[in-house]
Amino acid sequence: MMTDIVQSIYYNEASDILRREIAVILDRVWPPDVSPIPGETIPTTHEAVLNARSFYSYVDGRLVSYAGVVRKTINHNDQTFNIAGLSCVATDPDYQGRGLGLRTVAAATRWIEQSDTDFGIFTCKPSLAYFYERAGAWPVVPDVALIGSRDDGALSSESLQVAVLMRLFSAKARTRESMLRHTTIDLGLPVGHFL
């Protein structure tokens, strides 16, 4: 039985059961070095400070599609912006090609559009850029680089060889588009963290 309903909850408020289901699907799509073992501590998918919103779909009682939206405030060129980005997007390989990922990302994108976000920005493998364009009208912005921070060892879109995708939502961001293009945007994240 398939459902078209994409559910949503703040990750920080999600039950341990849901958090484990999210960890399992992410493990299935992007296997880490060590898999979560039933009964052990549930891996944290999103840092609490990013106040992530989780979007997910079930088929036959199994979580099969997931997308997180992380949010934070950044300073760029002496301006403060509220940003949001897609994070940990995954569809179970057994359910890919059925439109579940498209619906999940579309729901997450609609939520960002209706929030107080000035602009949305995140990265993906270049081969996945078309998916995000289809799912949420997320264009690649080749003239924008993202850096986790200015600290030594910080991750960047260039070092990770990923595409940067961005949409401007607020009037503030649209009127300042020139400062958000042909630039490097510092996310102000701890070393080792990235969008």
N, C-alpha and C. Protein backbone atom coordinates (compact mmCIF):
# COMPACT_ATOMS: atom_id res chain seq x y z
N MET A 1 0.85 -1.19 0.00
CA MET A 1 0.00 0.00 0.00
C MET A 1 0.89 1.24 0.00
N MET A 2 0.72 2.09 -0.99
CA MET A 2 1.54 3.28 -1.12
C MET A 2 0.74 4.49 -0.65
N THR A 3 1.43 5.44 -0.04
CA THR A 3 0.78 6.66 0.41
C THR A 3 1.44 7.86 -0.25
N ASP A 4 0.64 8.84 -0.59
CA ASP A 4 1.18 10.07 -1.15
C ASP A 4 1.44 11.10 -0.07
N ILE A 5 1.18 10.73 1.16
CA ILE A 5 1.30 11.67 2.27
C ILE A 5 2.75 11.75 2.72
N VAL A 6 3.28 12.98 2.69
CA VAL A 6 4.61 13.22 3.24
C VAL A 6 4.38 13.80 4.63
N GLN A 7 4.89 13.11 5.63
CA GLN A 7 4.74 13.56 7.00
C GLN A 7 5.90 14.47 7.38
N SER A 8 5.71 15.24 8.44
CA SER A 8 6.73 16.20 8.84
C SER A 8 6.71 16.40 10.35
N ILE A 9 7.91 16.55 10.91
CA ILE A 9 8.08 16.82 12.34
C ILE A 9 9.45 17.45 12.54
N TYR A 10 9.60 18.24 13.59
CA TYR A 10 10.94 18.71 13.92
C TYR A 10 11.75 17.51 14.40
N TYR A 11 12.94 17.35 13.88
CA TYR A 11 13.79 16.21 14.22
C TYR A 11 14.01 16.14 15.74
N ASN A 12 14.19 17.29 16.39
CA ASN A 12 14.44 17.32 17.83
C ASN A 12 13.25 16.77 18.63
N GLU A 13 12.06 16.74 18.02
CA GLU A 13 10.86 16.25 18.68
C GLU A 13 10.49 14.83 18.25
N ALA A 14 11.24 14.27 17.32
CA ALA A 14 10.93 12.94 16.79
C ALA A 14 11.16 11.86 17.85
N SER A 15 10.36 10.82 17.79
CA SER A 15 10.51 9.69 18.72
C SER A 15 11.81 8.94 18.41
N ASP A 16 12.26 8.17 19.38
CA ASP A 16 13.43 7.33 19.15
C ASP A 16 13.18 6.34 18.01
N ILE A 17 11.96 5.87 17.89
CA ILE A 17 11.63 4.93 16.82
C ILE A 17 11.84 5.59 15.46
N LEU A 18 11.30 6.80 15.30
CA LEU A 18 11.47 7.51 14.02
C LEU A 18 12.94 7.84 13.78
N ARG A 19 13.66 8.28 14.79
CA ARG A 19 15.08 8.59 14.61
C ARG A 19 15.86 7.35 14.16
N ARG A 20 15.52 6.20 14.73
CA ARG A 20 16.19 4.96 14.31
C ARG A 20 15.83 4.64 12.86
N GLU A 21 14.56 4.81 12.48
CA GLU A 21 14.15 4.55 11.09
C GLU A 21 14.90 5.47 10.12
N ILE A 22 15.08 6.73 10.52
CA ILE A 22 15.84 7.66 9.69
C ILE A 22 17.29 7.19 9.57
N ALA A 23 17.88 6.81 10.68
CA ALA A 23 19.26 6.32 10.66
C ALA A 23 19.40 5.08 9.78
N VAL A 24 18.40 4.21 9.82
CA VAL A 24 18.46 2.98 9.02
C VAL A 24 18.39 3.29 7.53
N ILE A 25 17.47 4.18 7.12
CA ILE A 25 17.38 4.49 5.68
C ILE A 25 18.65 5.19 5.20
N LEU A 26 19.20 6.09 6.02
CA LEU A 26 20.44 6.76 5.62
C LEU A 26 21.58 5.76 5.52
N ASP A 27 21.61 4.80 6.43
CA ASP A 27 22.63 3.76 6.40
C ASP A 27 22.48 2.91 5.13
N ARG A 28 21.25 2.67 4.75
CA ARG A 28 20.98 1.85 3.55
C ARG A 28 21.39 2.58 2.28
N VAL A 29 21.15 3.89 2.22
CA VAL A 29 21.46 4.66 1.03
C VAL A 29 22.93 5.07 1.00
N TRP A 30 23.46 5.50 2.13
CA TRP A 30 24.87 5.92 2.23
C TRP A 30 25.53 5.13 3.35
N PRO A 31 25.96 3.92 3.08
CA PRO A 31 26.55 3.10 4.15
C PRO A 31 27.78 3.77 4.76
N PRO A 32 27.76 3.95 6.07
CA PRO A 32 28.94 4.49 6.76
C PRO A 32 29.93 3.37 7.06
N ASP A 33 31.00 3.73 7.73
CA ASP A 33 31.99 2.73 8.12
C ASP A 33 31.42 1.75 9.14
N VAL A 34 30.55 2.24 10.02
CA VAL A 34 29.95 1.41 11.06
C VAL A 34 28.44 1.60 11.02
N SER A 35 27.70 0.53 10.88
CA SER A 35 26.23 0.60 10.81
C SER A 35 25.64 0.70 12.21
N PRO A 36 24.46 1.37 12.33
CA PRO A 36 23.80 1.38 13.63
C PRO A 36 23.36 -0.03 14.00
N ILE A 37 23.59 -0.40 15.22
CA ILE A 37 23.24 -1.75 15.68
C ILE A 37 22.01 -1.63 16.56
N PRO A 38 20.99 -2.48 16.30
CA PRO A 38 19.79 -2.42 17.14
C PRO A 38 20.14 -2.46 18.62
N GLY A 39 19.49 -1.59 19.39
CA GLY A 39 19.69 -1.57 20.83
C GLY A 39 20.77 -0.61 21.28
N GLU A 40 21.64 -0.19 20.37
CA GLU A 40 22.68 0.76 20.75
C GLU A 40 22.16 2.18 20.58
N THR A 41 22.98 3.14 20.96
CA THR A 41 22.61 4.54 20.82
C THR A 41 22.27 4.87 19.38
N ILE A 42 21.22 5.62 19.18
CA ILE A 42 20.79 6.00 17.84
C ILE A 42 21.70 7.12 17.34
N PRO A 43 22.29 6.95 16.15
CA PRO A 43 23.14 8.03 15.62
C PRO A 43 22.33 9.31 15.43
N THR A 44 22.94 10.45 15.71
CA THR A 44 22.28 11.73 15.52
C THR A 44 22.40 12.12 14.05
N THR A 45 21.28 12.32 13.41
CA THR A 45 21.27 12.70 12.01
C THR A 45 21.50 14.19 11.83
N HIS A 46 20.88 15.00 12.68
CA HIS A 46 20.97 16.46 12.58
C HIS A 46 21.37 17.04 13.93
N GLU A 47 22.31 17.95 13.93
CA GLU A 47 22.70 18.64 15.16
C GLU A 47 21.50 19.43 15.70
N ALA A 48 21.29 19.39 16.99
CA ALA A 48 20.13 20.04 17.61
C ALA A 48 20.07 21.54 17.31
N VAL A 49 21.23 22.20 17.25
CA VAL A 49 21.25 23.66 17.03
C VAL A 49 20.72 24.06 15.66
N LEU A 50 20.70 23.12 14.70
CA LEU A 50 20.20 23.45 13.36
C LEU A 50 18.69 23.32 13.25
N ASN A 51 18.02 22.90 14.34
CA ASN A 51 16.57 22.84 14.41
C ASN A 51 15.97 22.25 13.13
N ALA A 52 16.43 21.09 12.74
CA ALA A 52 16.01 20.46 11.49
C ALA A 52 14.54 20.08 11.50
N ARG A 53 13.94 20.23 10.35
CA ARG A 53 12.58 19.75 10.11
C ARG A 53 12.71 18.50 9.25
N SER A 54 12.07 17.42 9.65
CA SER A 54 12.15 16.15 8.94
C SER A 54 10.90 15.93 8.10
N PHE A 55 11.10 15.47 6.86
CA PHE A 55 10.02 15.13 5.93
C PHE A 55 10.24 13.68 5.52
N TYR A 56 9.17 12.87 5.57
CA TYR A 56 9.37 11.45 5.34
C TYR A 56 8.08 10.80 4.86
N SER A 57 8.26 9.67 4.16
CA SER A 57 7.13 8.90 3.64
C SER A 57 7.30 7.44 3.99
N TYR A 58 6.16 6.80 4.24
CA TYR A 58 6.11 5.36 4.53
C TYR A 58 5.40 4.64 3.39
N VAL A 59 5.83 3.42 3.12
CA VAL A 59 5.12 2.49 2.26
C VAL A 59 5.06 1.17 3.02
N ASP A 60 3.86 0.64 3.16
CA ASP A 60 3.67 -0.63 3.88
C ASP A 60 4.34 -0.62 5.25
N GLY A 61 4.22 0.49 5.96
CA GLY A 61 4.75 0.58 7.32
C GLY A 61 6.25 0.76 7.41
N ARG A 62 6.91 0.99 6.29
CA ARG A 62 8.37 1.13 6.25
C ARG A 62 8.74 2.54 5.78
N LEU A 63 9.61 3.22 6.51
CA LEU A 63 10.08 4.54 6.09
C LEU A 63 10.94 4.34 4.85
N VAL A 64 10.54 4.98 3.73
CA VAL A 64 11.24 4.73 2.46
C VAL A 64 11.79 6.00 1.81
N SER A 65 11.42 7.17 2.30
CA SER A 65 11.95 8.41 1.73
C SER A 65 12.10 9.44 2.84
N TYR A 66 13.19 10.19 2.78
CA TYR A 66 13.50 11.14 3.85
C TYR A 66 14.21 12.37 3.29
N ALA A 67 13.91 13.52 3.85
CA ALA A 67 14.66 14.75 3.59
C ALA A 67 14.60 15.62 4.84
N GLY A 68 15.74 16.12 5.26
CA GLY A 68 15.79 17.05 6.38
C GLY A 68 15.98 18.46 5.85
N VAL A 69 15.49 19.42 6.58
CA VAL A 69 15.74 20.83 6.29
C VAL A 69 16.42 21.42 7.52
N VAL A 70 17.65 21.87 7.34
CA VAL A 70 18.38 22.51 8.44
C VAL A 70 18.35 24.01 8.24
N ARG A 71 18.37 24.73 9.35
CA ARG A 71 18.26 26.20 9.28
C ARG A 71 19.29 26.83 10.21
N LYS A 72 19.73 28.01 9.80
CA LYS A 72 20.60 28.79 10.68
C LYS A 72 20.64 30.21 10.16
N THR A 73 21.20 31.08 10.98
CA THR A 73 21.40 32.47 10.59
C THR A 73 22.88 32.67 10.31
N ILE A 74 23.18 33.33 9.19
CA ILE A 74 24.58 33.61 8.84
C ILE A 74 24.76 35.10 8.61
N ASN A 75 26.00 35.52 8.63
CA ASN A 75 26.36 36.88 8.24
C ASN A 75 27.16 36.79 6.96
N HIS A 76 26.78 37.59 5.98
CA HIS A 76 27.47 37.62 4.69
C HIS A 76 27.53 39.07 4.23
N ASN A 77 28.74 39.55 4.00
CA ASN A 77 28.93 40.95 3.58
C ASN A 77 28.19 41.93 4.49
N ASP A 78 28.36 41.74 5.79
CA ASP A 78 27.76 42.61 6.81
C ASP A 78 26.23 42.60 6.81
N GLN A 79 25.63 41.56 6.25
CA GLN A 79 24.18 41.40 6.27
C GLN A 79 23.87 40.07 6.96
N THR A 80 22.77 40.05 7.70
CA THR A 80 22.32 38.84 8.36
C THR A 80 21.23 38.20 7.51
N PHE A 81 21.36 36.88 7.29
CA PHE A 81 20.38 36.15 6.50
C PHE A 81 19.96 34.88 7.24
N ASN A 82 18.68 34.56 7.17
CA ASN A 82 18.19 33.27 7.62
C ASN A 82 18.26 32.33 6.43
N ILE A 83 19.01 31.24 6.59
CA ILE A 83 19.16 30.30 5.48
C ILE A 83 18.59 28.95 5.88
N ALA A 84 18.27 28.16 4.86
CA ALA A 84 17.82 26.79 5.07
C ALA A 84 18.40 25.95 3.94
N GLY A 85 18.62 24.69 4.22
CA GLY A 85 19.14 23.80 3.20
C GLY A 85 18.65 22.38 3.39
N LEU A 86 18.49 21.68 2.28
CA LEU A 86 18.13 20.27 2.34
C LEU A 86 19.32 19.49 2.86
N SER A 87 19.04 18.45 3.61
CA SER A 87 20.10 17.65 4.22
C SER A 87 19.64 16.20 4.32
N CYS A 88 20.56 15.28 4.11
CA CYS A 88 20.30 13.85 4.32
C CYS A 88 19.11 13.35 3.49
N VAL A 89 19.05 13.74 2.25
CA VAL A 89 17.97 13.31 1.37
C VAL A 89 18.25 11.87 0.93
N ALA A 90 17.26 11.00 1.09
CA ALA A 90 17.46 9.59 0.74
C ALA A 90 16.13 8.92 0.44
N THR A 91 16.15 8.03 -0.54
CA THR A 91 15.03 7.14 -0.81
C THR A 91 15.58 5.73 -0.85
N ASP A 92 14.91 4.83 -0.14
CA ASP A 92 15.34 3.44 -0.10
C ASP A 92 15.52 2.92 -1.53
N PRO A 93 16.64 2.28 -1.82
CA PRO A 93 16.90 1.78 -3.19
C PRO A 93 15.78 0.90 -3.75
N ASP A 94 15.09 0.16 -2.89
CA ASP A 94 14.00 -0.70 -3.36
C ASP A 94 12.78 0.10 -3.82
N TYR A 95 12.74 1.40 -3.48
CA TYR A 95 11.58 2.23 -3.80
C TYR A 95 11.93 3.41 -4.71
N GLN A 96 13.14 3.45 -5.21
CA GLN A 96 13.54 4.54 -6.10
C GLN A 96 12.82 4.40 -7.44
N GLY A 97 12.64 5.55 -8.10
CA GLY A 97 11.99 5.56 -9.41
C GLY A 97 10.48 5.61 -9.34
N ARG A 98 9.93 5.78 -8.16
CA ARG A 98 8.47 5.82 -7.99
C ARG A 98 7.95 7.22 -7.66
N GLY A 99 8.82 8.20 -7.63
CA GLY A 99 8.41 9.57 -7.35
C GLY A 99 8.38 9.92 -5.87
N LEU A 100 8.74 8.99 -5.01
CA LEU A 100 8.68 9.26 -3.57
C LEU A 100 9.68 10.34 -3.16
N GLY A 101 10.89 10.26 -3.66
CA GLY A 101 11.90 11.27 -3.37
C GLY A 101 11.49 12.64 -3.88
N LEU A 102 10.93 12.68 -5.09
CA LEU A 102 10.46 13.95 -5.65
C LEU A 102 9.40 14.58 -4.75
N ARG A 103 8.44 13.77 -4.29
CA ARG A 103 7.37 14.30 -3.43
C ARG A 103 7.91 14.76 -2.07
N THR A 104 8.88 14.00 -1.54
CA THR A 104 9.44 14.36 -0.24
C THR A 104 10.21 15.67 -0.33
N VAL A 105 11.05 15.81 -1.36
CA VAL A 105 11.81 17.06 -1.54
C VAL A 105 10.88 18.21 -1.88
N ALA A 106 9.84 17.97 -2.66
CA ALA A 106 8.88 19.03 -2.98
C ALA A 106 8.20 19.53 -1.71
N ALA A 107 7.81 18.62 -0.82
CA ALA A 107 7.18 19.03 0.44
C ALA A 107 8.15 19.84 1.30
N ALA A 108 9.40 19.39 1.37
CA ALA A 108 10.40 20.12 2.15
C ALA A 108 10.63 21.51 1.56
N THR A 109 10.67 21.59 0.24
CA THR A 109 10.88 22.88 -0.42
C THR A 109 9.70 23.82 -0.16
N ARG A 110 8.48 23.31 -0.23
CA ARG A 110 7.30 24.15 0.06
C ARG A 110 7.38 24.70 1.49
N TRP A 111 7.83 23.88 2.42
CA TRP A 111 7.96 24.34 3.80
C TRP A 111 8.98 25.47 3.89
N ILE A 112 10.10 25.34 3.20
CA ILE A 112 11.10 26.40 3.20
C ILE A 112 10.51 27.67 2.60
N GLU A 113 9.79 27.53 1.49
CA GLU A 113 9.18 28.70 0.82
C GLU A 113 8.25 29.46 1.77
N GLN A 114 7.56 28.75 2.65
CA GLN A 114 6.57 29.36 3.53
C GLN A 114 7.16 29.80 4.87
N SER A 115 8.45 29.56 5.06
CA SER A 115 9.10 29.94 6.32
C SER A 115 9.68 31.35 6.21
N ASP A 116 10.42 31.74 7.23
CA ASP A 116 11.06 33.06 7.22
C ASP A 116 12.46 33.01 6.61
N THR A 117 12.71 32.02 5.78
CA THR A 117 14.02 31.84 5.15
C THR A 117 14.26 32.91 4.10
N ASP A 118 15.44 33.52 4.17
CA ASP A 118 15.82 34.49 3.14
C ASP A 118 16.26 33.79 1.87
N PHE A 119 17.14 32.80 2.03
CA PHE A 119 17.51 32.00 0.86
C PHE A 119 17.84 30.58 1.28
N GLY A 120 17.58 29.67 0.36
CA GLY A 120 17.91 28.28 0.57
C GLY A 120 19.19 27.96 -0.16
N ILE A 121 20.04 27.17 0.48
CA ILE A 121 21.31 26.81 -0.13
C ILE A 121 21.78 25.47 0.42
N PHE A 122 22.27 24.62 -0.46
CA PHE A 122 22.81 23.32 -0.06
C PHE A 122 23.65 22.79 -1.20
N THR A 123 24.25 21.64 -0.99
CA THR A 123 25.09 21.03 -2.02
C THR A 123 24.62 19.61 -2.31
N CYS A 124 25.03 19.13 -3.47
CA CYS A 124 24.76 17.74 -3.83
C CYS A 124 25.81 17.29 -4.83
N LYS A 125 25.87 15.99 -5.05
CA LYS A 125 26.72 15.47 -6.12
C LYS A 125 26.22 16.09 -7.43
N PRO A 126 27.12 16.48 -8.32
CA PRO A 126 26.67 17.07 -9.60
C PRO A 126 25.65 16.20 -10.34
N SER A 127 25.79 14.89 -10.25
CA SER A 127 24.87 13.99 -10.95
C SER A 127 23.44 14.05 -10.41
N LEU A 128 23.25 14.61 -9.21
CA LEU A 128 21.91 14.70 -8.60
C LEU A 128 21.25 16.07 -8.80
N ALA A 129 21.94 17.01 -9.41
CA ALA A 129 21.41 18.37 -9.55
C ALA A 129 20.08 18.40 -10.31
N TYR A 130 19.96 17.59 -11.35
CA TYR A 130 18.72 17.57 -12.13
C TYR A 130 17.54 17.12 -11.27
N PHE A 131 17.77 16.15 -10.39
CA PHE A 131 16.71 15.70 -9.48
C PHE A 131 16.17 16.87 -8.66
N TYR A 132 17.07 17.68 -8.09
CA TYR A 132 16.63 18.80 -7.25
C TYR A 132 15.97 19.90 -8.06
N GLU A 133 16.38 20.07 -9.29
CA GLU A 133 15.72 21.03 -10.18
C GLU A 133 14.27 20.58 -10.42
N ARG A 134 14.09 19.30 -10.68
CA ARG A 134 12.75 18.75 -10.92
C ARG A 134 11.89 18.78 -9.66
N ALA A 135 12.48 18.44 -8.53
CA ALA A 135 11.71 18.28 -7.29
C ALA A 135 11.34 19.61 -6.63
N GLY A 136 12.20 20.62 -6.77
CA GLY A 136 11.94 21.86 -6.04
C GLY A 136 12.44 23.12 -6.72
N ALA A 137 12.70 23.03 -8.03
CA ALA A 137 13.19 24.19 -8.79
C ALA A 137 14.47 24.77 -8.20
N TRP A 138 15.36 23.87 -7.74
CA TRP A 138 16.64 24.29 -7.17
C TRP A 138 17.68 24.36 -8.27
N PRO A 139 18.09 25.56 -8.68
CA PRO A 139 19.11 25.66 -9.73
C PRO A 139 20.53 25.58 -9.15
N VAL A 140 21.43 25.06 -9.97
CA VAL A 140 22.85 25.08 -9.63
C VAL A 140 23.34 26.51 -9.82
N VAL A 141 24.16 26.98 -8.88
CA VAL A 141 24.76 28.32 -8.98
C VAL A 141 26.28 28.14 -9.02
N PRO A 142 26.83 27.99 -10.23
CA PRO A 142 28.26 27.68 -10.35
C PRO A 142 29.18 28.81 -9.91
N ASP A 143 28.63 30.02 -9.75
CA ASP A 143 29.44 31.16 -9.33
C ASP A 143 29.47 31.36 -7.82
N VAL A 144 28.87 30.42 -7.07
CA VAL A 144 28.84 30.50 -5.61
C VAL A 144 29.60 29.31 -5.04
N ALA A 145 30.49 29.60 -4.10
CA ALA A 145 31.19 28.56 -3.36
C ALA A 145 30.72 28.61 -1.91
N LEU A 146 30.62 27.44 -1.29
CA LEU A 146 30.27 27.37 0.12
C LEU A 146 31.47 26.88 0.90
N ILE A 147 31.67 27.48 2.07
CA ILE A 147 32.69 26.99 3.00
C ILE A 147 32.02 26.77 4.35
N GLY A 148 32.44 25.71 5.03
CA GLY A 148 31.88 25.44 6.35
C GLY A 148 32.24 26.55 7.33
N SER A 149 33.47 27.02 7.22
CA SER A 149 33.96 28.14 8.02
C SER A 149 35.29 28.57 7.42
N ARG A 150 35.90 29.57 8.03
CA ARG A 150 37.22 30.03 7.55
C ARG A 150 38.36 29.36 8.33
N ASP A 151 38.03 28.40 9.19
CA ASP A 151 39.02 27.69 9.98
C ASP A 151 39.81 26.71 9.12
N ASP A 152 41.04 26.44 9.52
CA ASP A 152 41.85 25.42 8.85
C ASP A 152 41.12 24.09 8.92
N GLY A 153 41.09 23.38 7.81
CA GLY A 153 40.46 22.07 7.77
C GLY A 153 38.96 22.11 7.54
N ALA A 154 38.38 23.30 7.37
CA ALA A 154 36.94 23.40 7.13
C ALA A 154 36.60 22.82 5.76
N LEU A 155 35.43 22.21 5.67
CA LEU A 155 34.97 21.66 4.40
C LEU A 155 34.50 22.77 3.48
N SER A 156 34.54 22.50 2.17
CA SER A 156 34.06 23.48 1.19
C SER A 156 33.44 22.74 0.01
N SER A 157 32.62 23.46 -0.74
CA SER A 157 32.01 22.85 -1.93
C SER A 157 33.09 22.46 -2.93
N GLU A 158 34.15 23.24 -3.00
CA GLU A 158 35.23 22.92 -3.94
C GLU A 158 35.99 21.68 -3.51
N SER A 159 36.36 21.60 -2.23
CA SER A 159 37.13 20.44 -1.78
C SER A 159 36.31 19.15 -1.85
N LEU A 160 35.01 19.26 -1.67
CA LEU A 160 34.13 18.09 -1.74
C LEU A 160 33.67 17.79 -3.17
N GLN A 161 33.94 18.71 -4.08
CA GLN A 161 33.57 18.57 -5.49
C GLN A 161 32.06 18.35 -5.65
N VAL A 162 31.30 19.23 -5.01
CA VAL A 162 29.84 19.16 -5.07
C VAL A 162 29.29 20.42 -5.72
N ALA A 163 28.09 20.29 -6.24
CA ALA A 163 27.39 21.43 -6.84
C ALA A 163 26.68 22.22 -5.74
N VAL A 164 26.64 23.53 -5.88
CA VAL A 164 25.91 24.40 -4.96
C VAL A 164 24.57 24.75 -5.61
N LEU A 165 23.49 24.57 -4.86
CA LEU A 165 22.15 24.91 -5.32
C LEU A 165 21.60 25.99 -4.42
N MET A 166 20.89 26.96 -5.02
CA MET A 166 20.40 28.08 -4.22
C MET A 166 19.12 28.64 -4.82
N ARG A 167 18.21 29.04 -3.92
CA ARG A 167 17.01 29.78 -4.30
C ARG A 167 16.85 30.95 -3.35
N LEU A 168 16.48 32.09 -3.91
CA LEU A 168 16.23 33.29 -3.11
C LEU A 168 14.73 33.35 -2.82
N PHE A 169 14.37 33.52 -1.55
CA PHE A 169 12.96 33.50 -1.15
C PHE A 169 12.45 34.86 -0.70
N SER A 170 13.17 35.54 0.15
CA SER A 170 12.65 36.79 0.72
C SER A 170 12.95 37.97 -0.19
N ALA A 171 12.19 39.05 0.03
CA ALA A 171 12.45 40.30 -0.69
C ALA A 171 13.86 40.79 -0.36
N LYS A 172 14.28 40.62 0.88
CA LYS A 172 15.62 41.02 1.30
C LYS A 172 16.68 40.32 0.45
N ALA A 173 16.56 39.02 0.30
CA ALA A 173 17.55 38.26 -0.48
C ALA A 173 17.49 38.65 -1.96
N ARG A 174 16.29 38.80 -2.49
CA ARG A 174 16.17 39.15 -3.91
C ARG A 174 16.77 40.52 -4.21
N THR A 175 16.59 41.48 -3.29
CA THR A 175 17.17 42.81 -3.54
C THR A 175 18.68 42.82 -3.34
N ARG A 176 19.21 41.80 -2.65
CA ARG A 176 20.66 41.71 -2.44
C ARG A 176 21.27 40.56 -3.24
N GLU A 177 20.61 40.18 -4.30
CA GLU A 177 21.09 39.06 -5.11
C GLU A 177 22.52 39.26 -5.58
N SER A 178 22.90 40.47 -5.93
CA SER A 178 24.25 40.70 -6.45
C SER A 178 25.32 40.33 -5.41
N MET A 179 25.03 40.52 -4.13
CA MET A 179 26.01 40.15 -3.10
C MET A 179 26.01 38.65 -2.82
N LEU A 180 24.97 37.95 -3.28
CA LEU A 180 24.88 36.51 -3.06
C LEU A 180 25.33 35.71 -4.28
N ARG A 181 25.80 36.39 -5.30
CA ARG A 181 26.31 35.73 -6.50
C ARG A 181 27.78 36.08 -6.66
N HIS A 182 28.50 35.26 -7.39
CA HIS A 182 29.94 35.48 -7.62
C HIS A 182 30.65 35.69 -6.29
N THR A 183 30.41 34.76 -5.36
CA THR A 183 30.92 34.96 -4.00
C THR A 183 31.18 33.62 -3.32
N THR A 184 31.81 33.70 -2.17
CA THR A 184 31.98 32.56 -1.27
C THR A 184 31.15 32.84 -0.03
N ILE A 185 30.28 31.90 0.32
CA ILE A 185 29.40 32.06 1.47
C ILE A 185 29.90 31.16 2.60
N ASP A 186 30.17 31.78 3.74
CA ASP A 186 30.66 31.11 4.95
C ASP A 186 29.45 30.69 5.78
N LEU A 187 29.31 29.39 6.00
CA LEU A 187 28.17 28.87 6.76
C LEU A 187 28.35 28.99 8.27
N GLY A 188 29.57 29.28 8.71
CA GLY A 188 29.80 29.42 10.15
C GLY A 188 29.58 28.14 10.93
N LEU A 189 29.98 27.03 10.36
CA LEU A 189 29.80 25.72 11.00
C LEU A 189 31.10 25.23 11.60
N PRO A 190 31.05 24.33 12.58
CA PRO A 190 32.27 23.74 13.13
C PRO A 190 33.02 22.96 12.04
N VAL A 191 34.32 22.85 12.20
CA VAL A 191 35.13 22.08 11.27
C VAL A 191 34.57 20.65 11.18
N GLY A 192 34.45 20.16 9.97
CA GLY A 192 33.91 18.83 9.75
C GLY A 192 32.43 18.80 9.45
N HIS A 193 31.72 19.93 9.58
CA HIS A 193 30.29 20.01 9.30
C HIS A 193 30.08 20.77 8.02
N PHE A 194 28.98 20.43 7.33
CA PHE A 194 28.69 21.06 6.03
C PHE A 194 27.24 20.85 5.67
N LEU A 195 26.76 21.56 4.65
CA LEU A 195 25.40 21.37 4.13
C LEU A 195 25.49 20.62 2.81
